[in-house]
Amino acid sequence: GVIVAGPWRGLSSTLEPYQAALIAWQQRSGWPVLADPLAASPNGL
């Protein structure tokens, strides 16, 4: 599979759990990530 992360449009208060879930799914799957610069990708992804 592949992860395509588009622009982040959630509330800033929900960003941290979003980033944690993104890291968790990538670690579990090993899928490559194509991230938009506006995707708020976490450092360490």
All heavy atoms as atom14 arrays in JSON, in Angstrom:
{
  "sequence": "GVIVAGPWRGLSSTLEPYQAALIAWQQRSGWPVLADPLAASPNGL",
  "atom14_mask": [
    [1, 1, 1, 1, 0, 0, 0, 0, 0, 0, 0, 0, 0, 0],
    [1, 1, 1, 1, 1, 1, 1, 0, 0, 0, 0, 0, 0, 0],
    [1, 1, 1, 1, 1, 1, 1, 1, 0, 0, 0, 0, 0, 0],
    [1, 1, 1, 1, 1, 1, 1, 0, 0, 0, 0, 0, 0, 0],
    [1, 1, 1, 1, 1, 0, 0, 0, 0, 0, 0, 0, 0, 0],
    [1, 1, 1, 1, 0, 0, 0, 0, 0, 0, 0, 0, 0, 0],
    [1, 1, 1, 1, 1, 1, 1, 0, 0, 0, 0, 0, 0, 0],
    [1, 1, 1, 1, 1, 1, 1, 1, 1, 1, 1, 1, 1, 1],
    [1, 1, 1, 1, 1, 1, 1, 1, 1, 1, 1, 0, 0, 0],
    [1, 1, 1, 1, 0, 0, 0, 0, 0, 0, 0, 0, 0, 0],
    [1, 1, 1, 1, 1, 1, 1, 1, 0, 0, 0, 0, 0, 0],
    [1, 1, 1, 1, 1, 1, 0, 0, 0, 0, 0, 0, 0, 0],
    [1, 1, 1, 1, 1, 1, 0, 0, 0, 0, 0, 0, 0, 0],
    [1, 1, 1, 1, 1, 1, 1, 0, 0, 0, 0, 0, 0, 0],
    [1, 1, 1, 1, 1, 1, 1, 1, 0, 0, 0, 0, 0, 0],
    [1, 1, 1, 1, 1, 1, 1, 1, 1, 0, 0, 0, 0, 0],
    [1, 1, 1, 1, 1, 1, 1, 0, 0, 0, 0, 0, 0, 0],
    [1, 1, 1, 1, 1, 1, 1, 1, 1, 1, 1, 1, 0, 0],
    [1, 1, 1, 1, 1, 1, 1, 1, 1, 0, 0, 0, 0, 0],
    [1, 1, 1, 1, 1, 0, 0, 0, 0, 0, 0, 0, 0, 0],
    [1, 1, 1, 1, 1, 0, 0, 0, 0, 0, 0, 0, 0, 0],
    [1, 1, 1, 1, 1, 1, 1, 1, 0, 0, 0, 0, 0, 0],
    [1, 1, 1, 1, 1, 1, 1, 1, 0, 0, 0, 0, 0, 0],
    [1, 1, 1, 1, 1, 0, 0, 0, 0, 0, 0, 0, 0, 0],
    [1, 1, 1, 1, 1, 1, 1, 1, 1, 1, 1, 1, 1, 1],
    [1, 1, 1, 1, 1, 1, 1, 1, 1, 0, 0, 0, 0, 0],
    [1, 1, 1, 1, 1, 1, 1, 1, 1, 0, 0, 0, 0, 0],
    [1, 1, 1, 1, 1, 1, 1, 1, 1, 1, 1, 0, 0, 0],
    [1, 1, 1, 1, 1, 1, 0, 0, 0, 0, 0, 0, 0, 0],
    [1, 1, 1, 1, 0, 0, 0, 0, 0, 0, 0, 0, 0, 0],
    [1, 1, 1, 1, 1, 1, 1, 1, 1, 1, 1, 1, 1, 1],
    [1, 1, 1, 1, 1, 1, 1, 0, 0, 0, 0, 0, 0, 0],
    [1, 1, 1, 1, 1, 1, 1, 0, 0, 0, 0, 0, 0, 0],
    [1, 1, 1, 1, 1, 1, 1, 1, 0, 0, 0, 0, 0, 0],
    [1, 1, 1, 1, 1, 0, 0, 0, 0, 0, 0, 0, 0, 0],
    [1, 1, 1, 1, 1, 1, 1, 1, 0, 0, 0, 0, 0, 0],
    [1, 1, 1, 1, 1, 1, 1, 0, 0, 0, 0, 0, 0, 0],
    [1, 1, 1, 1, 1, 1, 1, 1, 0, 0, 0, 0, 0, 0],
    [1, 1, 1, 1, 1, 0, 0, 0, 0, 0, 0, 0, 0, 0],
    [1, 1, 1, 1, 1, 0, 0, 0, 0, 0, 0, 0, 0, 0],
    [1, 1, 1, 1, 1, 1, 0, 0, 0, 0, 0, 0, 0, 0],
    [1, 1, 1, 1, 1, 1, 1, 0, 0, 0, 0, 0, 0, 0],
    [1, 1, 1, 1, 1, 1, 1, 1, 0, 0, 0, 0, 0, 0],
    [1, 1, 1, 1, 0, 0, 0, 0, 0, 0, 0, 0, 0, 0],
    [1, 1, 1, 1, 1, 1, 1, 1, 0, 0, 0, 0, 0, 0]
  ],
  "atom14_positions": [
    [[0.82, -1.21, 0.0], [0.0, 0.0, 0.0], [0.85, 1.26, 0.0], [2.08, 1.21, 0.11], [0.0, 0.0, 0.0], [0.0, 0.0, 0.0], [0.0, 0.0, 0.0], [0.0, 0.0, 0.0], [0.0, 0.0, 0.0], [0.0, 0.0, 0.0], [0.0, 0.0, 0.0], [0.0, 0.0, 0.0], [0.0, 0.0, 0.0], [0.0, 0.0, 0.0]],
    [[0.18, 2.38, -0.16], [0.81, 3.7, -0.17], [-0.06, 4.65, 0.63], [-1.3, 4.56, 0.6], [0.98, 4.24, -1.61], [1.57, 5.64, -1.61], [1.85, 3.31, -2.44], [0.0, 0.0, 0.0], [0.0, 0.0, 0.0], [0.0, 0.0, 0.0], [0.0, 0.0, 0.0], [0.0, 0.0, 0.0], [0.0, 0.0, 0.0], [0.0, 0.0, 0.0]],
    [[0.56, 5.57, 1.35], [-0.15, 6.62, 2.08], [0.03, 7.93, 1.31], [1.16, 8.33, 1.02], [0.39, 6.79, 3.51], [0.26, 5.47, 4.28], [-0.36, 7.91, 4.23], [1.01, 5.47, 5.6], [0.0, 0.0, 0.0], [0.0, 0.0, 0.0], [0.0, 0.0, 0.0], [0.0, 0.0, 0.0], [0.0, 0.0, 0.0], [0.0, 0.0, 0.0]],
    [[-1.06, 8.59, 0.98], [-1.02, 9.91, 0.36], [-1.64, 10.9, 1.34], [-2.85, 10.87, 1.59], [-1.79, 9.94, -0.98], [-1.8, 11.35, -1.56], [-1.18, 8.96, -1.97], [0.0, 0.0, 0.0], [0.0, 0.0, 0.0], [0.0, 0.0, 0.0], [0.0, 0.0, 0.0], [0.0, 0.0, 0.0], [0.0, 0.0, 0.0], [0.0, 0.0, 0.0]],
    [[-0.81, 11.74, 1.93], [-1.26, 12.69, 2.95], [-1.47, 14.06, 2.31], [-0.51, 14.73, 1.92], [-0.25, 12.78, 4.09], [0.0, 0.0, 0.0], [0.0, 0.0, 0.0], [0.0, 0.0, 0.0], [0.0, 0.0, 0.0], [0.0, 0.0, 0.0], [0.0, 0.0, 0.0], [0.0, 0.0, 0.0], [0.0, 0.0, 0.0], [0.0, 0.0, 0.0]],
    [[-2.72, 14.46, 2.18], [-3.05, 15.76, 1.63], [-3.04, 16.85, 2.68], [-2.67, 16.62, 3.84], [0.0, 0.0, 0.0], [0.0, 0.0, 0.0], [0.0, 0.0, 0.0], [0.0, 0.0, 0.0], [0.0, 0.0, 0.0], [0.0, 0.0, 0.0], [0.0, 0.0, 0.0], [0.0, 0.0, 0.0], [0.0, 0.0, 0.0], [0.0, 0.0, 0.0]],
    [[-3.43, 18.07, 2.32], [-3.43, 19.19, 3.27], [-4.24, 18.89, 4.52], [-5.36, 18.4, 4.45], [-4.06, 20.33, 2.46], [-3.77, 20.0, 1.04], [-3.84, 18.5, 0.96], [0.0, 0.0, 0.0], [0.0, 0.0, 0.0], [0.0, 0.0, 0.0], [0.0, 0.0, 0.0], [0.0, 0.0, 0.0], [0.0, 0.0, 0.0], [0.0, 0.0, 0.0]],
    [[-3.66, 19.18, 5.68], [-4.33, 18.98, 6.96], [-5.38, 20.07, 7.15], [-5.1, 21.27, 7.08], [-3.3, 19.05, 8.09], [-3.88, 19.29, 9.44], [-3.88, 20.45, 10.14], [-4.54, 18.33, 10.27], [-4.49, 20.29, 11.35], [-4.92, 18.99, 11.46], [-4.86, 16.99, 10.12], [-5.58, 18.34, 12.49], [-5.51, 16.34, 11.15], [-5.86, 17.02, 12.32]],
    [[-6.63, 19.66, 7.4], [-7.71, 20.61, 7.6], [-8.52, 20.32, 8.85], [-9.69, 20.63, 8.93], [-8.62, 20.64, 6.36], [-7.92, 21.3, 5.17], [-8.79, 21.4, 3.95], [-8.04, 21.97, 2.83], [-8.43, 21.92, 1.57], [-9.58, 21.36, 1.26], [-7.69, 22.45, 0.61], [0.0, 0.0, 0.0], [0.0, 0.0, 0.0], [0.0, 0.0, 0.0]],
    [[-7.87, 19.73, 9.83], [-8.53, 19.56, 11.12], [-8.25, 20.75, 12.02], [-7.56, 21.7, 11.64], [0.0, 0.0, 0.0], [0.0, 0.0, 0.0], [0.0, 0.0, 0.0], [0.0, 0.0, 0.0], [0.0, 0.0, 0.0], [0.0, 0.0, 0.0], [0.0, 0.0, 0.0], [0.0, 0.0, 0.0], [0.0, 0.0, 0.0], [0.0, 0.0, 0.0]],
    [[-8.79, 20.71, 13.23], [-8.48, 21.72, 14.22], [-7.1, 21.45, 14.81], [-6.69, 20.3, 14.96], [-9.52, 21.72, 15.34], [-10.94, 22.14, 14.96], [-11.85, 22.08, 16.18], [-10.96, 23.52, 14.33], [0.0, 0.0, 0.0], [0.0, 0.0, 0.0], [0.0, 0.0, 0.0], [0.0, 0.0, 0.0], [0.0, 0.0, 0.0], [0.0, 0.0, 0.0]],
    [[-6.38, 22.52, 15.17], [-5.03, 22.34, 15.7], [-5.04, 21.5, 16.98], [-4.07, 20.81, 17.29], [-4.38, 23.7, 15.96], [-5.11, 24.43, 16.93], [0.0, 0.0, 0.0], [0.0, 0.0, 0.0], [0.0, 0.0, 0.0], [0.0, 0.0, 0.0], [0.0, 0.0, 0.0], [0.0, 0.0, 0.0], [0.0, 0.0, 0.0], [0.0, 0.0, 0.0]],
    [[-6.15, 21.53, 17.72], [-6.24, 20.75, 18.96], [-6.27, 19.25, 18.69], [-6.01, 18.46, 19.6], [-7.49, 21.16, 19.75], [-8.66, 20.98, 18.97], [0.0, 0.0, 0.0], [0.0, 0.0, 0.0], [0.0, 0.0, 0.0], [0.0, 0.0, 0.0], [0.0, 0.0, 0.0], [0.0, 0.0, 0.0], [0.0, 0.0, 0.0], [0.0, 0.0, 0.0]],
    [[-6.61, 18.85, 17.47], [-6.66, 17.42, 17.13], [-5.45, 16.96, 16.34], [-5.41, 15.81, 15.89], [-7.94, 17.11, 16.32], [-7.87, 17.79, 15.05], [-9.18, 17.58, 17.07], [0.0, 0.0, 0.0], [0.0, 0.0, 0.0], [0.0, 0.0, 0.0], [0.0, 0.0, 0.0], [0.0, 0.0, 0.0], [0.0, 0.0, 0.0], [0.0, 0.0, 0.0]],
    [[-4.46, 17.84, 16.16], [-3.32, 17.49, 15.31], [-2.45, 16.41, 15.93], [-1.98, 15.5, 15.24], [-2.49, 18.75, 15.03], [-1.24, 18.55, 14.17], [-1.6, 17.93, 12.84], [-0.53, 19.89, 13.96], [0.0, 0.0, 0.0], [0.0, 0.0, 0.0], [0.0, 0.0, 0.0], [0.0, 0.0, 0.0], [0.0, 0.0, 0.0], [0.0, 0.0, 0.0]],
    [[-2.2, 16.49, 17.22], [-1.28, 15.53, 17.85], [-1.79, 14.09, 17.73], [-1.02, 13.2, 17.33], [-1.07, 15.91, 19.32], [0.0, 15.06, 20.0], [0.32, 15.56, 21.4], [0.1, 16.76, 21.67], [0.8, 14.75, 22.21], [0.0, 0.0, 0.0], [0.0, 0.0, 0.0], [0.0, 0.0, 0.0], [0.0, 0.0, 0.0], [0.0, 0.0, 0.0]],
    [[-3.07, 13.81, 18.04], [-3.53, 12.41, 17.84], [-3.53, 11.99, 16.37], [-3.31, 10.81, 16.07], [-4.94, 12.41, 18.43], [-5.34, 13.84, 18.58], [-4.08, 14.61, 18.75], [0.0, 0.0, 0.0], [0.0, 0.0, 0.0], [0.0, 0.0, 0.0], [0.0, 0.0, 0.0], [0.0, 0.0, 0.0], [0.0, 0.0, 0.0], [0.0, 0.0, 0.0]],
    [[-3.77, 12.92, 15.46], [-3.68, 12.6, 14.03], [-2.26, 12.16, 13.69], [-2.05, 11.14, 13.01], [-4.08, 13.82, 13.21], [-3.69, 13.76, 11.75], [-4.51, 13.15, 10.81], [-2.49, 14.32, 11.3], [-4.16, 13.09, 9.47], [-2.13, 14.27, 9.97], [-2.96, 13.66, 9.05], [-2.6, 13.61, 7.73], [0.0, 0.0, 0.0], [0.0, 0.0, 0.0]],
    [[-1.27, 12.93, 14.13], [0.12, 12.6, 13.82], [0.53, 11.27, 14.45], [1.24, 10.47, 13.82], [1.03, 13.72, 14.31], [0.86, 15.02, 13.53], [1.73, 16.14, 14.07], [2.01, 16.2, 15.27], [2.16, 17.02, 13.19], [0.0, 0.0, 0.0], [0.0, 0.0, 0.0], [0.0, 0.0, 0.0], [0.0, 0.0, 0.0], [0.0, 0.0, 0.0]],
    [[0.06, 11.02, 15.68], [0.39, 9.75, 16.34], [-0.2, 8.58, 15.56], [0.45, 7.53, 15.41], [-0.12, 9.76, 17.77], [0.0, 0.0, 0.0], [0.0, 0.0, 0.0], [0.0, 0.0, 0.0], [0.0, 0.0, 0.0], [0.0, 0.0, 0.0], [0.0, 0.0, 0.0], [0.0, 0.0, 0.0], [0.0, 0.0, 0.0], [0.0, 0.0, 0.0]],
    [[-1.42, 8.74, 15.06], [-2.04, 7.66, 14.29], [-1.32, 7.44, 12.97], [-1.17, 6.29, 12.52], [-3.52, 7.99, 14.05], [0.0, 0.0, 0.0], [0.0, 0.0, 0.0], [0.0, 0.0, 0.0], [0.0, 0.0, 0.0], [0.0, 0.0, 0.0], [0.0, 0.0, 0.0], [0.0, 0.0, 0.0], [0.0, 0.0, 0.0], [0.0, 0.0, 0.0]],
    [[-0.87, 8.52, 12.34], [-0.14, 8.39, 11.08], [1.16, 7.63, 11.28], [1.51, 6.72, 10.5], [0.13, 9.78, 10.5], [0.93, 9.86, 9.2], [0.3, 9.01, 8.11], [1.08, 11.31, 8.75], [0.0, 0.0, 0.0], [0.0, 0.0, 0.0], [0.0, 0.0, 0.0], [0.0, 0.0, 0.0], [0.0, 0.0, 0.0], [0.0, 0.0, 0.0]],
    [[1.89, 7.96, 12.33], [3.13, 7.25, 12.64], [2.84, 5.77, 12.92], [3.55, 4.87, 12.44], [3.84, 7.91, 13.84], [4.39, 9.29, 13.44], [4.96, 7.02, 14.36], [4.99, 10.06, 14.59], [0.0, 0.0, 0.0], [0.0, 0.0, 0.0], [0.0, 0.0, 0.0], [0.0, 0.0, 0.0], [0.0, 0.0, 0.0], [0.0, 0.0, 0.0]],
    [[1.78, 5.53, 13.7], [1.47, 4.15, 14.07], [1.12, 3.3, 12.85], [1.58, 2.15, 12.73], [0.32, 4.14, 15.08], [0.0, 0.0, 0.0], [0.0, 0.0, 0.0], [0.0, 0.0, 0.0], [0.0, 0.0, 0.0], [0.0, 0.0, 0.0], [0.0, 0.0, 0.0], [0.0, 0.0, 0.0], [0.0, 0.0, 0.0], [0.0, 0.0, 0.0]],
    [[0.3, 3.85, 11.95], [-0.08, 3.06, 10.77], [1.12, 2.82, 9.86], [1.29, 1.71, 9.33], [-1.2, 3.75, 10.01], [-1.58, 2.98, 8.76], [-1.19, 3.23, 7.48], [-2.38, 1.8, 8.71], [-1.71, 2.28, 6.63], [-2.44, 1.38, 7.34], [-3.06, 1.04, 9.66], [-3.15, 0.26, 6.95], [-3.77, -0.08, 9.25], [-3.81, -0.45, 7.91]],
    [[1.97, 3.83, 9.7], [3.13, 3.64, 8.83], [4.07, 2.59, 9.41], [4.61, 1.75, 8.68], [3.85, 4.98, 8.62], [4.81, 4.99, 7.44], [6.09, 4.2, 7.7], [6.59, 4.18, 8.82], [6.61, 3.56, 6.64], [0.0, 0.0, 0.0], [0.0, 0.0, 0.0], [0.0, 0.0, 0.0], [0.0, 0.0, 0.0], [0.0, 0.0, 0.0]],
    [[4.28, 2.65, 10.73], [5.17, 1.67, 11.36], [4.6, 0.26, 11.22], [5.34, -0.71, 11.02], [5.37, 2.02, 12.83], [6.22, 3.25, 13.05], [6.37, 3.6, 14.52], [5.56, 3.18, 15.37], [7.38, 4.39, 14.85], [0.0, 0.0, 0.0], [0.0, 0.0, 0.0], [0.0, 0.0, 0.0], [0.0, 0.0, 0.0], [0.0, 0.0, 0.0]],
    [[3.28, 0.16, 11.36], [2.65, -1.17, 11.28], [2.67, -1.71, 9.86], [2.87, -2.91, 9.63], [1.21, -1.06, 11.8], [0.38, -2.33, 11.66], [0.96, -3.46, 12.5], [0.13, -4.67, 12.34], [0.19, -5.51, 11.31], [1.04, -5.27, 10.3], [-0.58, -6.58, 11.27], [0.0, 0.0, 0.0], [0.0, 0.0, 0.0], [0.0, 0.0, 0.0]],
    [[2.47, -0.83, 8.87], [2.36, -1.29, 7.49], [3.67, -1.25, 6.71], [3.89, -2.05, 5.81], [1.32, -0.44, 6.74], [1.79, 0.9, 6.61], [0.0, 0.0, 0.0], [0.0, 0.0, 0.0], [0.0, 0.0, 0.0], [0.0, 0.0, 0.0], [0.0, 0.0, 0.0], [0.0, 0.0, 0.0], [0.0, 0.0, 0.0], [0.0, 0.0, 0.0]],
    [[4.54, -0.28, 7.05], [5.75, -0.09, 6.28], [5.52, 0.58, 4.94], [6.41, 0.61, 4.09], [0.0, 0.0, 0.0], [0.0, 0.0, 0.0], [0.0, 0.0, 0.0], [0.0, 0.0, 0.0], [0.0, 0.0, 0.0], [0.0, 0.0, 0.0], [0.0, 0.0, 0.0], [0.0, 0.0, 0.0], [0.0, 0.0, 0.0], [0.0, 0.0, 0.0]],
    [[4.34, 1.14, 4.74], [4.01, 1.75, 3.45], [4.76, 3.06, 3.24], [4.97, 3.83, 4.19], [2.51, 2.04, 3.37], [1.64, 0.83, 3.32], [2.04, -0.48, 3.32], [0.21, 0.82, 3.3], [0.96, -1.32, 3.28], [-0.2, -0.55, 3.27], [-0.76, 1.8, 3.3], [-1.53, -0.93, 3.24], [-2.1, 1.43, 3.27], [-2.48, 0.08, 3.24]],
    [[5.15, 3.37, 2.01], [5.73, 4.69, 1.72], [4.67, 5.78, 1.85], [3.48, 5.54, 1.69], [6.22, 4.55, 0.28], [5.44, 3.42, -0.3], [5.12, 2.49, 0.82], [0.0, 0.0, 0.0], [0.0, 0.0, 0.0], [0.0, 0.0, 0.0], [0.0, 0.0, 0.0], [0.0, 0.0, 0.0], [0.0, 0.0, 0.0], [0.0, 0.0, 0.0]],
    [[5.15, 7.01, 2.12], [4.27, 8.15, 2.35], [4.57, 9.24, 1.34], [5.72, 9.71, 1.26], [4.43, 8.72, 3.78], [3.46, 9.89, 4.01], [4.22, 7.63, 4.83], [0.0, 0.0, 0.0], [0.0, 0.0, 0.0], [0.0, 0.0, 0.0], [0.0, 0.0, 0.0], [0.0, 0.0, 0.0], [0.0, 0.0, 0.0], [0.0, 0.0, 0.0]],
    [[3.56, 9.64, 0.58], [3.65, 10.81, -0.29], [2.91, 11.94, 0.42], [1.69, 11.94, 0.48], [3.03, 10.54, -1.66], [3.45, 9.25, -2.38], [2.8, 9.17, -3.76], [4.96, 9.15, -2.48], [0.0, 0.0, 0.0], [0.0, 0.0, 0.0], [0.0, 0.0, 0.0], [0.0, 0.0, 0.0], [0.0, 0.0, 0.0], [0.0, 0.0, 0.0]],
    [[3.65, 12.9, 0.97], [3.05, 13.91, 1.84], [3.08, 15.28, 1.19], [4.13, 15.76, 0.75], [3.77, 13.95, 3.19], [0.0, 0.0, 0.0], [0.0, 0.0, 0.0], [0.0, 0.0, 0.0], [0.0, 0.0, 0.0], [0.0, 0.0, 0.0], [0.0, 0.0, 0.0], [0.0, 0.0, 0.0], [0.0, 0.0, 0.0], [0.0, 0.0, 0.0]],
    [[1.93, 15.92, 1.15], [1.82, 17.32, 0.76], [2.54, 18.17, 1.81], [2.56, 17.82, 2.99], [0.33, 17.7, 0.7], [0.1, 19.08, 0.14], [0.32, 20.06, 0.88], [-0.33, 19.2, -1.02], [0.0, 0.0, 0.0], [0.0, 0.0, 0.0], [0.0, 0.0, 0.0], [0.0, 0.0, 0.0], [0.0, 0.0, 0.0], [0.0, 0.0, 0.0]],
    [[3.17, 19.29, 1.41], [3.83, 20.13, 2.43], [2.86, 20.67, 3.47], [3.29, 21.08, 4.56], [4.45, 21.26, 1.6], [3.75, 21.24, 0.29], [3.36, 19.83, 0.06], [0.0, 0.0, 0.0], [0.0, 0.0, 0.0], [0.0, 0.0, 0.0], [0.0, 0.0, 0.0], [0.0, 0.0, 0.0], [0.0, 0.0, 0.0], [0.0, 0.0, 0.0]],
    [[1.56, 20.69, 3.17], [0.57, 21.2, 4.11], [-0.03, 20.09, 4.97], [-1.0, 20.32, 5.71], [-0.56, 21.91, 3.35], [-0.12, 22.91, 2.29], [-1.33, 23.54, 1.62], [0.77, 23.98, 2.9], [0.0, 0.0, 0.0], [0.0, 0.0, 0.0], [0.0, 0.0, 0.0], [0.0, 0.0, 0.0], [0.0, 0.0, 0.0], [0.0, 0.0, 0.0]],
    [[0.52, 18.89, 4.89], [-0.06, 17.73, 5.57], [0.26, 17.69, 7.06], [-0.22, 16.8, 7.76], [0.42, 16.44, 4.91], [0.0, 0.0, 0.0], [0.0, 0.0, 0.0], [0.0, 0.0, 0.0], [0.0, 0.0, 0.0], [0.0, 0.0, 0.0], [0.0, 0.0, 0.0], [0.0, 0.0, 0.0], [0.0, 0.0, 0.0], [0.0, 0.0, 0.0]],
    [[1.06, 18.62, 7.57], [1.45, 18.63, 8.98], [2.1, 17.31, 9.37], [1.85, 16.77, 10.46], [0.25, 18.95, 9.88], [0.0, 0.0, 0.0], [0.0, 0.0, 0.0], [0.0, 0.0, 0.0], [0.0, 0.0, 0.0], [0.0, 0.0, 0.0], [0.0, 0.0, 0.0], [0.0, 0.0, 0.0], [0.0, 0.0, 0.0], [0.0, 0.0, 0.0]],
    [[2.94, 16.79, 8.5], [3.62, 15.52, 8.77], [4.51, 15.66, 10.0], [5.26, 16.63, 10.12], [4.47, 15.1, 7.57], [3.67, 14.96, 6.42], [0.0, 0.0, 0.0], [0.0, 0.0, 0.0], [0.0, 0.0, 0.0], [0.0, 0.0, 0.0], [0.0, 0.0, 0.0], [0.0, 0.0, 0.0], [0.0, 0.0, 0.0], [0.0, 0.0, 0.0]],
    [[4.46, 14.7, 10.92], [5.28, 14.8, 12.13], [6.74, 14.52, 11.85], [7.09, 13.72, 10.97], [4.68, 13.75, 13.05], [4.08, 12.74, 12.11], [3.59, 13.51, 10.93], [0.0, 0.0, 0.0], [0.0, 0.0, 0.0], [0.0, 0.0, 0.0], [0.0, 0.0, 0.0], [0.0, 0.0, 0.0], [0.0, 0.0, 0.0], [0.0, 0.0, 0.0]],
    [[7.6, 15.16, 12.62], [9.02, 14.86, 12.55], [9.24, 13.44, 13.05], [8.69, 13.05, 14.07], [9.8, 15.85, 13.41], [11.3, 15.77, 13.16], [11.73, 15.19, 12.17], [12.08, 16.31, 14.06], [0.0, 0.0, 0.0], [0.0, 0.0, 0.0], [0.0, 0.0, 0.0], [0.0, 0.0, 0.0], [0.0, 0.0, 0.0], [0.0, 0.0, 0.0]],
    [[9.98, 12.67, 12.33], [10.2, 11.28, 12.74], [9.32, 10.28, 12.02], [9.44, 9.08, 12.26], [0.0, 0.0, 0.0], [0.0, 0.0, 0.0], [0.0, 0.0, 0.0], [0.0, 0.0, 0.0], [0.0, 0.0, 0.0], [0.0, 0.0, 0.0], [0.0, 0.0, 0.0], [0.0, 0.0, 0.0], [0.0, 0.0, 0.0], [0.0, 0.0, 0.0]],
    [[8.44, 10.76, 11.13], [7.62, 9.85, 10.33], [8.52, 9.11, 9.34], [9.25, 9.72, 8.57], [6.54, 10.64, 9.59], [5.64, 9.85, 8.64], [4.79, 8.84, 9.41], [4.76, 10.79, 7.83], [0.0, 0.0, 0.0], [0.0, 0.0, 0.0], [0.0, 0.0, 0.0], [0.0, 0.0, 0.0], [0.0, 0.0, 0.0], [0.0, 0.0, 0.0]]
  ]
}
